Amino acid sequence: MAQAFQAAQGQPNWVVRIVVLTFLLVIGIPILLLLLVAGLAAAMVFMVLSTINWIMVRLGGSTPKDDGRRNVRVIKRD
């Protein structure tokens, strides 16, 4: 009898199970879905901006020798 009582105490009761299930349904799953959507949106933005950069580099040709620097002395090292 004591073993059954100890086993019953070790198990979460039905109220705790309902609270955990409700939390997962109301809070947990929507947060995971929002994180998934945010990750996909970030990946799409990264791909679009990378493609735009690649196109601009291809169309722009090579950069000038000074690379946009002014009043800078470049030290060439051997």
Protein backbone atom coordinates (compact mmCIF):
# COMPACT_ATOMS: atom_id res chain seq x y z
CA MET A 1 0.00 0.00 0.00
CA ALA A 2 2.82 2.40 0.84
CA GLN A 3 4.48 1.75 -2.51
CA ALA A 4 1.29 2.65 -4.37
CA PHE A 5 0.99 5.85 -2.35
CA GLN A 6 4.58 6.83 -3.11
CA ALA A 7 4.09 6.09 -6.80
CA ALA A 8 0.94 8.22 -6.83
CA GLN A 9 2.77 11.11 -5.20
CA GLY A 10 5.57 10.91 -7.77
CA GLN A 11 3.15 11.33 -10.68
CA PRO A 12 1.92 14.81 -11.62
CA ASN A 13 -1.80 15.14 -11.04
CA TRP A 14 -4.34 15.94 -13.73
CA VAL A 15 -4.37 19.66 -12.94
CA VAL A 16 -0.64 19.98 -13.56
CA ARG A 17 -0.97 18.06 -16.81
CA ILE A 18 -3.79 20.34 -18.01
CA VAL A 19 -1.81 23.45 -17.06
CA VAL A 20 1.28 22.25 -18.94
CA LEU A 21 -0.77 21.26 -21.98
CA THR A 22 -2.60 24.60 -21.97
CA PHE A 23 0.70 26.48 -21.69
CA LEU A 24 2.12 24.59 -24.64
CA LEU A 25 -0.97 25.17 -26.77
CA VAL A 26 -1.44 28.85 -25.89
CA ILE A 27 2.13 30.10 -25.38
CA GLY A 28 4.71 27.55 -26.48
CA ILE A 29 3.56 26.58 -29.97
CA PRO A 30 2.84 30.17 -31.16
CA ILE A 31 6.27 31.31 -29.96
CA LEU A 32 7.94 28.44 -31.82
CA LEU A 33 5.95 29.26 -34.96
CA LEU A 34 6.92 32.95 -34.72
CA LEU A 35 10.58 31.99 -34.35
CA LEU A 36 10.30 29.71 -37.38
CA VAL A 37 8.70 32.47 -39.48
CA ALA A 38 11.33 34.99 -38.33
CA GLY A 39 14.13 32.59 -39.26
CA LEU A 40 12.67 31.98 -42.71
CA ALA A 41 12.19 35.72 -43.27
CA ALA A 42 15.78 36.42 -42.22
CA ALA A 43 17.07 33.74 -44.59
CA MET A 44 15.02 35.17 -47.46
CA VAL A 45 16.26 38.73 -46.80
CA PHE A 46 19.85 37.46 -46.64
CA MET A 47 19.48 35.63 -49.95
CA VAL A 48 17.86 38.62 -51.68
CA LEU A 49 20.50 41.06 -50.43
CA SER A 50 23.30 38.65 -51.36
CA THR A 51 21.88 38.34 -54.86
CA ILE A 52 21.59 42.13 -55.21
CA ASN A 53 25.19 42.52 -54.03
CA TRP A 54 26.39 39.85 -56.47
CA ILE A 55 24.59 41.59 -59.36
CA MET A 56 25.99 45.00 -58.40
CA VAL A 57 29.53 43.63 -58.23
CA ARG A 58 29.16 41.95 -61.63
CA LEU A 59 27.69 45.06 -63.29
CA GLY A 60 29.94 47.56 -61.52
CA GLY A 61 33.16 46.10 -62.80
CA SER A 62 36.35 46.35 -60.83
CA THR A 63 36.86 48.97 -58.15
CA PRO A 64 39.37 51.77 -58.67
CA LYS A 65 42.87 51.34 -57.30
CA ASP A 66 42.28 53.66 -54.36
CA ASP A 67 39.11 51.76 -53.34
CA GLY A 68 37.47 55.02 -52.36
CA ARG A 69 40.22 56.12 -49.97
CA ARG A 70 41.22 59.75 -49.73
CA ASN A 71 44.19 61.28 -47.95
CA VAL A 72 45.51 57.83 -47.08
CA ARG A 73 48.96 56.66 -47.89
CA VAL A 74 49.03 52.97 -48.68
CA ILE A 75 52.12 51.18 -47.46
CA LYS A 76 53.03 48.32 -49.76
CA ARG A 77 54.81 45.56 -47.93
CA ASP A 78 57.01 42.94 -49.54
